[in-house]
Every structure is written in structure tokens, then in C-alpha cells.
Amino acid sequence: MVSDKFSNVVIRLSVTSISLSAKLCNKLDEIKYEKGFSSRSEVVKDALKTYLSE
């Protein structure tokens, strides 16, 4: 588990590792820069939240 501290709030996150093709990594990078995400992880988290909420 990883803990982030933000405004006296501790958020516990699980770390998951995935392997992706270079093509998918490049697409993640494109989305990251186009949408202003801070990392590939943020892109993946946003995509999963969207997918799982449908």
C-alpha cells in the first residue's frame, strides 16, 4: 500500500503493475499530454473509473 497525505487526509492506494505494448504506452503518453494528466497512472485510473462506472 502507498499512502498519500493531502490536507491531513491519508489515502491508501494499492499498487498494481501491468505490462503494455509500446503502442499502448505511446497512446497513454498522447492522452497524458493532451488532457494534462501528471502521469500514465493518472490516465489509467481515470479510464478505469470511467469504464467501471458505466
PDB file of N, CA and C in Angstrom:
ATOM      1  N   MET A   1       0.830  -1.181   0.000  1.00  0.00           N
ATOM      2  CA  MET A   1       0.000   0.000   0.000  1.00  0.00           C
ATOM      3  C   MET A   1       0.876   1.246   0.000  1.00  0.00           C
ATOM      4  N   VAL A   2       0.404   2.259  -0.695  1.00  0.00           N
ATOM      5  CA  VAL A   2       1.074   3.551  -0.727  1.00  0.00           C
ATOM      6  C   VAL A   2       0.151   4.552  -0.055  1.00  0.00           C
ATOM      7  N   SER A   3       0.693   5.408   0.768  1.00  0.00           N
ATOM      8  CA  SER A   3      -0.129   6.422   1.427  1.00  0.00           C
ATOM      9  C   SER A   3       0.194   7.792   0.856  1.00  0.00           C
ATOM     10  N   ASP A   4      -0.826   8.554   0.512  1.00  0.00           N
ATOM     11  CA  ASP A   4      -0.680   9.939   0.085  1.00  0.00           C
ATOM     12  C   ASP A   4      -1.256  10.818   1.174  1.00  0.00           C
ATOM     13  N   LYS A   5      -0.522  11.866   1.540  1.00  0.00           N
ATOM     14  CA  LYS A   5      -1.052  12.810   2.523  1.00  0.00           C
ATOM     15  C   LYS A   5      -1.473  14.065   1.778  1.00  0.00           C
ATOM     16  N   PHE A   6      -2.704  14.489   2.005  1.00  0.00           N
ATOM     17  CA  PHE A   6      -3.230  15.680   1.366  1.00  0.00           C
ATOM     18  C   PHE A   6      -4.211  16.317   2.327  1.00  0.00           C
ATOM     19  N   SER A   7      -3.904  17.517   2.782  1.00  0.00           N
ATOM     20  CA  SER A   7      -4.784  18.247   3.703  1.00  0.00           C
ATOM     21  C   SER A   7      -5.200  17.394   4.900  1.00  0.00           C
ATOM     22  N   ASN A   8      -4.233  16.790   5.568  1.00  0.00           N
ATOM     23  CA  ASN A   8      -4.495  15.983   6.764  1.00  0.00           C
ATOM     24  C   ASN A   8      -5.341  14.744   6.497  1.00  0.00           C
ATOM     25  N   VAL A   9      -5.457  14.335   5.248  1.00  0.00           N
ATOM     26  CA  VAL A   9      -6.212  13.137   4.887  1.00  0.00           C
ATOM     27  C   VAL A   9      -5.220  12.116   4.347  1.00  0.00           C
ATOM     28  N   VAL A  10      -5.291  10.895   4.837  1.00  0.00           N
ATOM     29  CA  VAL A  10      -4.428   9.833   4.339  1.00  0.00           C
ATOM     30  C   VAL A  10      -5.265   8.935   3.439  1.00  0.00           C
ATOM     31  N   ILE A  11      -4.810   8.781   2.198  1.00  0.00           N
ATOM     32  CA  ILE A  11      -5.496   7.928   1.230  1.00  0.00           C
ATOM     33  C   ILE A  11      -4.593   6.731   0.964  1.00  0.00           C
ATOM     34  N   ARG A  12      -5.101   5.551   1.180  1.00  0.00           N
ATOM     35  CA  ARG A  12      -4.306   4.340   0.949  1.00  0.00           C
ATOM     36  C   ARG A  12      -4.616   3.806  -0.445  1.00  0.00           C
ATOM     37  N   LEU A  13      -3.560   3.622  -1.217  1.00  0.00           N
ATOM     38  CA  LEU A  13      -3.693   3.142  -2.584  1.00  0.00           C
ATOM     39  C   LEU A  13      -2.986   1.805  -2.730  1.00  0.00           C
ATOM     40  N   SER A  14      -3.586   0.900  -3.466  1.00  0.00           N
ATOM     41  CA  SER A  14      -2.926  -0.356  -3.805  1.00  0.00           C
ATOM     42  C   SER A  14      -2.098  -0.129  -5.059  1.00  0.00           C
ATOM     43  N   VAL A  15      -0.949  -0.761  -5.120  1.00  0.00           N
ATOM     44  CA  VAL A  15      -0.085  -0.648  -6.289  1.00  0.00           C
ATOM     45  C   VAL A  15      -0.279  -1.888  -7.150  1.00  0.00           C
ATOM     46  N   THR A  16      -0.577  -1.672  -8.430  1.00  0.00           N
ATOM     47  CA  THR A  16      -0.777  -2.755  -9.382  1.00  0.00           C
ATOM     48  C   THR A  16       0.152  -2.524 -10.561  1.00  0.00           C
ATOM     49  N   SER A  17       0.808  -3.558 -11.001  1.00  0.00           N
ATOM     50  CA  SER A  17       1.724  -3.456 -12.134  1.00  0.00           C
ATOM     51  C   SER A  17       1.123  -4.154 -13.343  1.00  0.00           C
ATOM     52  N   ILE A  18       1.211  -3.509 -14.520  1.00  0.00           N
ATOM     53  CA  ILE A  18       0.726  -4.124 -15.755  1.00  0.00           C
ATOM     54  C   ILE A  18       1.793  -3.982 -16.833  1.00  0.00           C
ATOM     55  N   SER A  19       1.764  -4.881 -17.789  1.00  0.00           N
ATOM     56  CA  SER A  19       2.666  -4.822 -18.939  1.00  0.00           C
ATOM     57  C   SER A  19       1.849  -4.448 -20.163  1.00  0.00           C
ATOM     58  N   LEU A  20       2.332  -3.446 -20.906  1.00  0.00           N
ATOM     59  CA  LEU A  20       1.628  -2.961 -22.090  1.00  0.00           C
ATOM     60  C   LEU A  20       2.576  -2.919 -23.276  1.00  0.00           C
ATOM     61  N   SER A  21       2.000  -3.016 -24.454  1.00  0.00           N
ATOM     62  CA  SER A  21       2.808  -2.894 -25.668  1.00  0.00           C
ATOM     63  C   SER A  21       3.295  -1.450 -25.807  1.00  0.00           C
ATOM     64  N   ALA A  22       4.325  -1.259 -26.603  1.00  0.00           N
ATOM     65  CA  ALA A  22       4.843   0.089 -26.852  1.00  0.00           C
ATOM     66  C   ALA A  22       3.760   0.968 -27.467  1.00  0.00           C
ATOM     67  N   LYS A  23       2.925   0.385 -28.323  1.00  0.00           N
ATOM     68  CA  LYS A  23       1.844   1.137 -28.968  1.00  0.00           C
ATOM     69  C   LYS A  23       0.868   1.692 -27.924  1.00  0.00           C
ATOM     70  N   LEU A  24       0.479   0.863 -26.949  1.00  0.00           N
ATOM     71  CA  LEU A  24      -0.430   1.324 -25.899  1.00  0.00           C
ATOM     72  C   LEU A  24       0.237   2.366 -24.995  1.00  0.00           C
ATOM     73  N   CYS A  25       1.504   2.179 -24.697  1.00  0.00           N
ATOM     74  CA  CYS A  25       2.224   3.166 -23.882  1.00  0.00           C
ATOM     75  C   CYS A  25       2.289   4.508 -24.598  1.00  0.00           C
ATOM     76  N   ASN A  26       2.525   4.470 -25.904  1.00  0.00           N
ATOM     77  CA  ASN A  26       2.558   5.708 -26.684  1.00  0.00           C
ATOM     78  C   ASN A  26       1.203   6.395 -26.663  1.00  0.00           C
ATOM     79  N   LYS A  27       0.124   5.613 -26.762  1.00  0.00           N
ATOM     80  CA  LYS A  27      -1.227   6.179 -26.709  1.00  0.00           C
ATOM     81  C   LYS A  27      -1.489   6.802 -25.341  1.00  0.00           C
ATOM     82  N   LEU A  28      -1.058   6.117 -24.272  1.00  0.00           N
ATOM     83  CA  LEU A  28      -1.202   6.685 -22.928  1.00  0.00           C
ATOM     84  C   LEU A  28      -0.464   8.016 -22.820  1.00  0.00           C
ATOM     85  N   ASP A  29       0.739   8.078 -23.393  1.00  0.00           N
ATOM     86  CA  ASP A  29       1.512   9.319 -23.362  1.00  0.00           C
ATOM     87  C   ASP A  29       0.802  10.435 -24.125  1.00  0.00           C
ATOM     88  N   GLU A  30       0.215  10.108 -25.278  1.00  0.00           N
ATOM     89  CA  GLU A  30      -0.536  11.104 -26.052  1.00  0.00           C
ATOM     90  C   GLU A  30      -1.677  11.671 -25.219  1.00  0.00           C
ATOM     91  N   ILE A  31      -2.452  10.787 -24.603  1.00  0.00           N
ATOM     92  CA  ILE A  31      -3.593  11.216 -23.783  1.00  0.00           C
ATOM     93  C   ILE A  31      -3.103  12.028 -22.590  1.00  0.00           C
ATOM     94  N   LYS A  32      -2.016  11.587 -21.989  1.00  0.00           N
ATOM     95  CA  LYS A  32      -1.446  12.281 -20.832  1.00  0.00           C
ATOM     96  C   LYS A  32      -1.150  13.738 -21.174  1.00  0.00           C
ATOM     97  N   TYR A  33      -0.485  13.969 -22.292  1.00  0.00           N
ATOM     98  CA  TYR A  33      -0.121  15.334 -22.673  1.00  0.00           C
ATOM     99  C   TYR A  33      -1.329  16.135 -23.161  1.00  0.00           C
ATOM    100  N   GLU A  34      -2.213  15.500 -23.935  1.00  0.00           N
ATOM    101  CA  GLU A  34      -3.394  16.193 -24.461  1.00  0.00           C
ATOM    102  C   GLU A  34      -4.337  16.638 -23.351  1.00  0.00           C
ATOM    103  N   LYS A  35      -4.535  15.782 -22.352  1.00  0.00           N
ATOM    104  CA  LYS A  35      -5.507  16.053 -21.288  1.00  0.00           C
ATOM    105  C   LYS A  35      -4.871  16.664 -20.037  1.00  0.00           C
ATOM    106  N   GLY A  36      -3.543  16.746 -20.011  1.00  0.00           N
ATOM    107  CA  GLY A  36      -2.864  17.370 -18.878  1.00  0.00           C
ATOM    108  C   GLY A  36      -2.731  16.505 -17.637  1.00  0.00           C
ATOM    109  N   PHE A  37      -2.740  15.191 -17.809  1.00  0.00           N
ATOM    110  CA  PHE A  37      -2.531  14.296 -16.671  1.00  0.00           C
ATOM    111  C   PHE A  37      -1.073  14.379 -16.229  1.00  0.00           C
ATOM    112  N   SER A  38      -0.827  14.108 -14.958  1.00  0.00           N
ATOM    113  CA  SER A  38       0.533  14.182 -14.429  1.00  0.00           C
ATOM    114  C   SER A  38       1.345  12.911 -14.680  1.00  0.00           C
ATOM    115  N   SER A  39       0.660  11.805 -14.982  1.00  0.00           N
ATOM    116  CA  SER A  39       1.370  10.539 -15.188  1.00  0.00           C
ATOM    117  C   SER A  39       0.493   9.556 -15.961  1.00  0.00           C
ATOM    118  N   ARG A  40       1.115   8.499 -16.445  1.00  0.00           N
ATOM    119  CA  ARG A  40       0.352   7.419 -17.083  1.00  0.00           C
ATOM    120  C   ARG A  40      -0.620   6.802 -16.084  1.00  0.00           C
ATOM    121  N   SER A  41      -0.180   6.687 -14.838  1.00  0.00           N
ATOM    122  CA  SER A  41      -1.045   6.106 -13.802  1.00  0.00           C
ATOM    123  C   SER A  41      -2.346   6.881 -13.679  1.00  0.00           C
ATOM    124  N   GLU A  42      -2.263   8.200 -13.751  1.00  0.00           N
ATOM    125  CA  GLU A  42      -3.475   9.023 -13.665  1.00  0.00           C
ATOM    126  C   GLU A  42      -4.394   8.762 -14.854  1.00  0.00           C
ATOM    127  N   VAL A  43      -3.825   8.569 -16.038  1.00  0.00           N
ATOM    128  CA  VAL A  43      -4.626   8.253 -17.230  1.00  0.00           C
ATOM    129  C   VAL A  43      -5.348   6.926 -17.026  1.00  0.00           C
ATOM    130  N   VAL A  44      -4.621   5.927 -16.559  1.00  0.00           N
ATOM    131  CA  VAL A  44      -5.201   4.597 -16.354  1.00  0.00           C
ATOM    132  C   VAL A  44      -6.281   4.648 -15.270  1.00  0.00           C
ATOM    133  N   LYS A  45      -6.017   5.350 -14.164  1.00  0.00           N
ATOM    134  CA  LYS A  45      -7.025   5.460 -13.097  1.00  0.00           C
ATOM    135  C   LYS A  45      -8.298   6.120 -13.614  1.00  0.00           C
ATOM    136  N   ASP A  46      -8.152   7.189 -14.393  1.00  0.00           N
ATOM    137  CA  ASP A  46      -9.320   7.879 -14.939  1.00  0.00           C
ATOM    138  C   ASP A  46     -10.092   6.970 -15.892  1.00  0.00           C
ATOM    139  N   ALA A  47      -9.364   6.245 -16.744  1.00  0.00           N
ATOM    140  CA  ALA A  47     -10.017   5.330 -17.692  1.00  0.00           C
ATOM    141  C   ALA A  47     -10.760   4.216 -16.953  1.00  0.00           C
ATOM    142  N   LEU A  48     -10.151   3.665 -15.917  1.00  0.00           N
ATOM    143  CA  LEU A  48     -10.803   2.609 -15.137  1.00  0.00           C
ATOM    144  C   LEU A  48     -12.042   3.125 -14.416  1.00  0.00           C
ATOM    145  N   LYS A  49     -11.947   4.314 -13.836  1.00  0.00           N
ATOM    146  CA  LYS A  49     -13.117   4.895 -13.163  1.00  0.00           C
ATOM    147  C   LYS A  49     -14.265   5.059 -14.152  1.00  0.00           C
ATOM    148  N   THR A  50     -13.955   5.561 -15.343  1.00  0.00           N
ATOM    149  CA  THR A  50     -14.982   5.748 -16.369  1.00  0.00           C
ATOM    150  C   THR A  50     -15.565   4.409 -16.791  1.00  0.00           C
ATOM    151  N   TYR A  51     -14.713   3.438 -17.066  1.00  0.00           N
ATOM    152  CA  TYR A  51     -15.154   2.117 -17.518  1.00  0.00           C
ATOM    153  C   TYR A  51     -16.008   1.423 -16.458  1.00  0.00           C
ATOM    154  N   LEU A  52     -15.576   1.473 -15.223  1.00  0.00           N
ATOM    155  CA  LEU A  52     -16.276   0.765 -14.148  1.00  0.00           C
ATOM    156  C   LEU A  52     -17.572   1.451 -13.720  1.00  0.00           C
ATOM    157  N   SER A  53     -17.715   2.732 -14.024  1.00  0.00           N
ATOM    158  CA  SER A  53     -18.943   3.433 -13.640  1.00  0.00           C
ATOM    159  C   SER A  53     -20.048   3.297 -14.685  1.00  0.00           C
ATOM    160  N   GLU A  54     -19.728   2.733 -15.838  1.00  0.00           N
ATOM    161  CA  GLU A  54     -20.734   2.558 -16.901  1.00  0.00           C
ATOM    162  C   GLU A  54     -21.607   1.357 -16.644  1.00  0.00           C
TER     163      GLU A  54
END
